[in-house]
């Protein structure tokens, strides 16, 4: 169904009475170090303070107005059930899709909703048609595990070869681009490249918009994973240059768990086969068959976007970088501690990972995260899969205070002194 502005306005009435998702209006764009202003934003998040929560890359906590909107929608679904779901709900879904498309910078008909980014990206990869026997596809050690697995499975299913690229241990804007340029040049019959805009392993913001033209010049396509970067980095999907993108709304948009999307550039739909459940499908949604899903998560997208609109993506990233730098800069150069990203602001947002010298195994890094939590009350997460070994990711959020971030540096100085080899 085509979604027009009139459709969206009509549909908006169907959830009358659902609480709005707006934070108290901000008088101006907040500076990164305006702790009073950011404290007002942080107060909107009903999160625990029993620990210092520096692992916010799993999914995003919902702000209180979004929680209220979600509960109201859940109540409506439970109360009205199929009477609402089979009649009026389609208009509210159209409103949600239109709002999502607006912030993505795309048309609603070019989006398909999914439950998470992995589901959508798996469909884009496994159903990509333009790979055959003897062809090659390319991915890197910074890509998400499930997406690496999907690339390997695609190659096996088609008689192709999956080539794995290892990005440089010491990263820069230029050498990240050069690594892909060299790998693309060294890979004949290349048909597909997987690019992760922001790695869940160490937080690298890959210069995707500079790499995609290299991919296309080689006659290949790019599928881009923006699960971690969307609404943490200020961009619109077409800005990246790729034709196929997977993302979610439950990380940095702050919508409920269970809502994500794929986007296919107009004119490229036939490059992705329909879901086996919809073999004759002619829509982007037909590439990922939904079935019965958590509709309340989808319908809460507008409330989440209303809240985020009060902040702004650029201001959010600047604040997250400020919090990140409060622990990174005091520890940069500490003997025995490796910080995996440079201080080039183009290459990071909230997440940055570290590694204590000689502690490269998964077991080593689990032990360090346990020590941080048990001894210092700081929640982090280990990440495996980088060619140079496991690491620990640190991810503050909008509700994180400077004082909370400042607890990490002395804790790491203690652990480095104890564990560095």
Foldseek 3Di string as FASTA:
>chain_A
DAFDPVLLVVLVCVLPPQFFQAQPFDPDADFLPPQVVLLSVLVQFPDDPLFLEFAQQVFHGAGNSLVSNLVSVVVCCVVCPCVCVVPSVVSLLSNLLCVVCVQQVHGSQQKAKFQFLLLQLLLQLQQQDPDAAAAEEEEELLDDPSNLVSNVVSCVVHNYYYYYFAQDQADDQVSLLVSLLVVLVVGPRYAEYEEECAGPAFGWRHLQLSNQVSQVVNVYAYEYECARPVLQPRDHNCSSVGQKYWYACGRNLPFDRGIIMMGGHPPCVVSGQFDPVCRPDDTNNRSRPHPDGDVSRSSSSSSSNNHSVSHDNVSFQSNLLVLQCLQCVVCVPPPQKAWRYDNPSSTHGNKGKMDGAPQFEPVSAVVLQCCCCPVVRYHWDKDARRPRGIIIMTGDGSSRHSVSSNSPNVSVVVVSVVDHD
